[in-house]
Amino acid sequence: MNSTTKVFGVLILGSFVFLSAINYMADNIDDYEAVPLPPPKHKTIVSHNPMIKVDATSRSIWTLVDFSTGETYSIKDLEKERSKLNKYPWDIGFQRTKIITNSGLTNPDGNVAVRNMGPVDFDSVSVAPTAGYIQDAKSYGKIINKAIADWYLYRTRTHNVESQKNVYAVRMAEGGYLKMRILNYYCNREEAECKTIMCGRQEAACYGIEYVLPKESGRHFPPPVIPDKEASLISDSPTSPISILPEPVN
């Protein structure tokens, strides 16, 4: 048997196997379609800590947050309105997915700094670290804080933003420390929903942030207060019971 005959035989055998597989799938496709998909698993986060909601929907205005009082302030241009950065006692600023702090190149007179603790258990962080904090600096032509700049994941399939749920220790503007974790980015949807469907941009940039302040402006965070009744179920959702910040003031 010459090589041409062998090649021809292999091709015939391969074609037979391929067509047999196609016919099998066609005959049994109804069986596969009749099997329901497993229900999506939505991770529910149980929190006994304060929650704060930040409206960062504007593309031209920064919302500056003073976590010690819950006050917010608005500023349009960081360069032209630099005097306001020292006028307001703010800690962290939000605009869409962008986050700045009252420090470094954003405001050289600011004292705020951030340390990324990673995706650790929030309640297990009982003491703020003494070192490892980062202030705002320039990176690739933009002023960012590298400790918190990558707080989210961008899902290319749904084009949605998903928090990495990292815990951040923050040295605050007026002394003391804060620990925080971004739980949600969407205004009227649970983040778990946005893992499987496309959530519109008009629904985005409403931060749901879990946070804890220390006692007496120190470094030690109090344990969560667990109520007698069931704990608040956050479900990554801004529609759950949270403290709504007042409208930004000029």
Protein backbone atom coordinates (compact mmCIF):
# COMPACT_ATOMS: atom_id res chain seq x y z
CA MET A 1 0.00 0.00 0.00
CA ASN A 2 1.57 3.29 -1.08
CA SER A 3 1.56 6.51 0.94
CA THR A 4 -1.21 8.09 -1.15
CA THR A 5 -3.58 5.24 -0.36
CA LYS A 6 -2.75 5.49 3.35
CA VAL A 7 -3.46 9.23 3.41
CA PHE A 8 -6.72 8.70 1.56
CA GLY A 9 -7.74 6.00 4.04
CA VAL A 10 -6.97 8.23 7.03
CA LEU A 11 -9.07 11.05 5.55
CA ILE A 12 -12.02 8.73 5.00
CA LEU A 13 -11.77 7.38 8.56
CA GLY A 14 -11.51 10.90 10.01
CA SER A 15 -14.52 12.07 8.03
CA PHE A 16 -16.52 9.08 9.24
CA VAL A 17 -15.69 9.80 12.90
CA PHE A 18 -16.49 13.51 12.51
CA LEU A 19 -19.85 12.90 10.83
CA SER A 20 -20.76 10.27 13.41
CA ALA A 21 -20.08 12.75 16.22
CA ILE A 22 -22.18 15.45 14.50
CA ASN A 23 -25.06 13.04 13.99
CA TYR A 24 -24.90 11.93 17.63
CA MET A 25 -25.05 15.52 18.90
CA ALA A 26 -27.90 16.37 16.53
CA ASP A 27 -29.91 13.36 17.70
CA ASN A 28 -29.39 14.20 21.37
CA ILE A 29 -29.47 18.01 21.36
CA ASP A 30 -33.00 18.05 22.75
CA ASP A 31 -31.76 16.16 25.79
CA TYR A 32 -29.07 18.77 26.41
CA GLU A 33 -31.43 21.72 25.94
CA ALA A 34 -33.94 20.18 28.35
CA VAL A 35 -31.42 20.25 31.20
CA PRO A 36 -31.80 23.59 33.05
CA LEU A 37 -28.73 25.66 33.83
CA PRO A 38 -27.80 25.86 37.51
CA PRO A 39 -29.03 29.05 39.20
CA PRO A 40 -26.43 31.83 39.45
CA LYS A 41 -24.64 31.97 42.78
CA HIS A 42 -24.91 35.43 44.32
CA LYS A 43 -22.48 36.05 47.15
CA THR A 44 -24.20 37.71 50.08
CA ILE A 45 -22.06 39.86 52.35
CA VAL A 46 -23.20 40.13 55.95
CA SER A 47 -22.04 43.36 57.59
CA HIS A 48 -22.48 44.65 61.12
CA ASN A 49 -20.55 47.85 60.32
CA PRO A 50 -21.60 51.34 59.20
CA MET A 51 -22.22 51.84 55.49
CA ILE A 52 -21.87 55.06 53.57
CA LYS A 53 -23.08 55.88 50.07
CA VAL A 54 -21.15 58.26 47.81
CA ASP A 55 -22.62 59.83 44.68
CA ALA A 56 -19.75 59.97 42.18
CA THR A 57 -21.88 59.95 39.03
CA SER A 58 -20.65 63.28 37.67
CA ARG A 59 -17.91 63.21 35.04
CA SER A 60 -16.85 66.79 35.77
CA ILE A 61 -17.22 67.15 39.55
CA TRP A 62 -15.24 65.46 42.30
CA THR A 63 -17.08 64.43 45.47
CA LEU A 64 -14.78 64.89 48.47
CA VAL A 65 -15.71 62.91 51.58
CA ASP A 66 -14.87 63.64 55.21
CA PHE A 67 -15.34 60.21 56.77
CA SER A 68 -15.07 61.54 60.33
CA THR A 69 -18.27 63.60 59.97
CA GLY A 70 -20.00 62.22 56.87
CA GLU A 71 -19.88 65.61 55.15
CA THR A 72 -19.25 65.87 51.40
CA TYR A 73 -17.92 68.70 49.30
CA SER A 74 -17.79 69.27 45.56
CA ILE A 75 -14.98 70.60 43.43
CA LYS A 76 -14.81 70.91 39.65
CA ASP A 77 -11.18 71.57 38.80
CA LEU A 78 -8.41 70.27 41.02
CA GLU A 79 -5.88 72.72 39.59
CA LYS A 80 -7.98 75.89 39.41
CA GLU A 81 -9.72 75.29 42.74
CA ARG A 82 -6.68 74.12 44.64
CA SER A 83 -7.44 76.55 47.49
CA LYS A 84 -10.60 74.57 48.28
CA LEU A 85 -8.55 71.44 48.87
CA ASN A 86 -7.25 72.98 52.09
CA LYS A 87 -10.51 74.74 52.92
CA TYR A 88 -12.40 71.49 53.33
CA PRO A 89 -11.45 68.78 55.87
CA TRP A 90 -11.76 65.90 53.40
CA ASP A 91 -10.12 62.50 53.23
CA ILE A 92 -10.93 60.80 49.91
CA GLY A 93 -12.36 62.10 46.62
CA PHE A 94 -14.44 60.16 44.08
CA GLN A 95 -15.31 60.74 40.41
CA ARG A 96 -16.71 57.73 38.53
CA THR A 97 -14.07 54.99 38.98
CA LYS A 98 -11.32 57.49 39.86
CA ILE A 99 -10.23 57.97 43.47
CA ILE A 100 -7.89 60.59 44.94
CA THR A 101 -6.78 61.36 48.47
CA ASN A 102 -6.01 64.54 50.35
CA SER A 103 -2.28 64.09 49.97
CA GLY A 104 0.80 64.15 47.76
CA LEU A 105 0.54 65.78 44.34
CA THR A 106 -3.22 66.21 44.72
CA ASN A 107 -2.69 68.38 47.79
CA PRO A 108 0.87 68.66 49.16
CA ASP A 109 -0.51 70.04 52.42
CA GLY A 110 -2.74 67.02 52.99
CA ASN A 111 -1.88 64.27 55.44
CA VAL A 112 -4.01 61.40 54.10
CA ALA A 113 -2.37 58.13 53.06
CA VAL A 114 -3.68 54.67 52.14
CA ARG A 115 -2.45 51.13 52.64
CA ASN A 116 -3.98 48.25 50.70
CA MET A 117 -4.49 45.31 53.08
CA GLY A 118 -5.74 43.02 50.32
CA PRO A 119 -8.91 40.88 50.25
CA VAL A 120 -8.73 39.99 53.95
CA ASP A 121 -11.62 39.52 56.35
CA PHE A 122 -12.81 43.03 57.17
CA ASP A 123 -13.60 42.43 60.84
CA SER A 124 -10.25 40.71 61.42
CA VAL A 125 -8.40 44.02 60.87
CA SER A 126 -8.41 45.33 64.45
CA VAL A 127 -5.40 47.66 64.32
CA ALA A 128 -4.25 50.09 61.64
CA PRO A 129 -0.65 49.43 60.53
CA THR A 130 2.01 51.95 61.47
CA ALA A 131 3.77 51.93 58.07
CA GLY A 132 3.31 51.11 54.40
CA TYR A 133 0.97 53.97 53.55
CA ILE A 134 0.99 55.61 50.11
CA GLN A 135 0.11 59.16 49.06
CA ASP A 136 -0.98 60.52 45.68
CA ALA A 137 1.71 60.62 43.00
CA LYS A 138 2.02 60.91 39.24
CA SER A 139 1.94 57.72 37.20
CA TYR A 140 1.90 57.68 33.39
CA GLY A 141 0.91 61.34 33.33
CA LYS A 142 -1.97 60.99 35.82
CA ILE A 143 -2.14 61.71 39.52
CA ILE A 144 -3.31 58.58 41.36
CA ASN A 145 -2.91 56.77 44.64
CA LYS A 146 -1.40 53.40 43.75
CA ALA A 147 -2.70 51.81 46.93
CA ILE A 148 -6.33 52.19 45.87
CA ALA A 149 -6.24 52.97 42.12
CA ASP A 150 -6.85 49.32 41.20
CA TRP A 151 -9.81 48.87 43.55
CA TYR A 152 -11.95 47.34 40.79
CA LEU A 153 -12.00 44.73 38.04
CA TYR A 154 -13.37 45.54 34.58
CA ARG A 155 -15.44 42.72 33.13
CA THR A 156 -14.95 42.72 29.35
CA ARG A 157 -17.87 40.37 28.76
CA THR A 158 -20.46 42.60 30.46
CA HIS A 159 -18.42 45.86 30.46
CA ASN A 160 -19.15 46.25 34.16
CA VAL A 161 -17.07 47.33 37.12
CA GLU A 162 -16.68 44.95 40.05
CA SER A 163 -15.00 45.79 43.35
CA GLN A 164 -12.08 43.58 44.38
CA LYS A 165 -13.35 43.88 47.98
CA ASN A 166 -9.92 44.84 49.28
CA VAL A 167 -9.66 46.31 52.76
CA TYR A 168 -7.91 49.69 53.00
CA ALA A 169 -6.36 51.32 56.03
CA VAL A 170 -6.49 55.10 55.70
CA ARG A 171 -4.60 57.74 57.67
CA MET A 172 -7.15 60.53 57.90
CA ALA A 173 -6.80 64.24 57.26
CA GLU A 174 -7.37 65.34 60.85
CA GLY A 175 -5.60 62.49 62.60
CA GLY A 176 -6.58 58.98 63.41
CA TYR A 177 -7.21 56.09 61.07
CA LEU A 178 -10.03 54.52 59.11
CA LYS A 179 -10.58 51.08 57.62
CA MET A 180 -12.86 50.76 54.62
CA ARG A 181 -13.98 48.38 51.90
CA ILE A 182 -15.85 49.19 48.67
CA LEU A 183 -18.75 46.76 48.36
CA ASN A 184 -20.68 48.10 45.40
CA TYR A 185 -20.45 50.53 42.48
CA TYR A 186 -24.01 50.54 41.13
CA CYS A 187 -26.90 52.77 42.15
CA ASN A 188 -29.96 50.56 41.78
CA ARG A 189 -28.59 47.08 41.17
CA GLU A 190 -26.80 44.47 43.17
CA GLU A 191 -23.22 43.99 42.07
CA ALA A 192 -23.91 40.27 41.79
CA GLU A 193 -26.49 41.02 39.08
CA CYS A 194 -23.93 42.95 37.07
CA LYS A 195 -21.69 39.88 36.82
CA THR A 196 -24.13 38.26 34.40
CA ILE A 197 -25.89 41.17 32.69
CA MET A 198 -24.78 44.54 31.40
CA CYS A 199 -25.52 47.33 33.87
CA GLY A 200 -25.81 50.69 32.14
CA ARG A 201 -23.40 53.51 32.81
CA GLN A 202 -26.29 55.64 34.02
CA GLU A 203 -26.62 53.17 36.90
CA ALA A 204 -22.95 53.38 37.84
CA ALA A 205 -20.79 55.39 40.25
CA CYS A 206 -22.82 55.13 43.45
CA TYR A 207 -20.24 53.74 45.85
CA GLY A 208 -21.41 51.58 48.73
CA ILE A 209 -18.58 51.67 51.29
CA GLU A 210 -18.26 49.75 54.54
CA TYR A 211 -16.10 51.62 57.05
CA VAL A 212 -15.09 51.73 60.70
CA LEU A 213 -13.54 54.59 62.68
CA PRO A 214 -11.31 53.98 65.70
CA LYS A 215 -12.09 55.19 69.17
CA GLU A 216 -10.53 58.52 70.16
CA SER A 217 -8.69 58.96 66.84
CA GLY A 218 -6.33 56.09 67.56
CA ARG A 219 -5.29 53.01 65.59
CA HIS A 220 -7.47 50.37 67.24
CA PHE A 221 -10.79 49.60 65.59
CA PRO A 222 -13.74 48.51 67.74
CA PRO A 223 -15.34 45.14 66.99
CA PRO A 224 -18.62 45.13 65.07
CA VAL A 225 -21.78 45.54 67.11
CA ILE A 226 -23.92 42.50 66.36
CA PRO A 227 -27.61 43.25 66.95
CA ASP A 228 -29.94 40.81 68.67
CA LYS A 229 -31.93 40.47 65.48
CA GLU A 230 -30.52 39.28 62.18
CA ALA A 231 -27.63 41.26 60.78
CA SER A 232 -28.13 43.59 57.86
CA LEU A 233 -27.69 41.72 54.60
CA ILE A 234 -25.73 43.92 52.26
CA SER A 235 -25.78 41.58 49.24
CA ASP A 236 -23.35 43.93 47.45
CA SER A 237 -26.36 46.21 47.02
CA PRO A 238 -26.70 49.98 47.52
CA THR A 239 -30.42 49.49 48.11
CA SER A 240 -29.76 47.82 51.46
CA PRO A 241 -29.94 49.89 54.68
CA ILE A 242 -27.04 52.33 54.57
CA SER A 243 -26.27 55.87 55.65
CA ILE A 244 -26.93 58.23 52.75
CA LEU A 245 -24.60 61.18 52.64
CA PRO A 246 -26.02 64.69 52.25
CA GLU A 247 -25.81 66.40 48.90
CA PRO A 248 -22.36 67.88 48.18
CA VAL A 249 -22.06 71.53 49.18
CA ASN A 250 -20.05 74.16 47.39
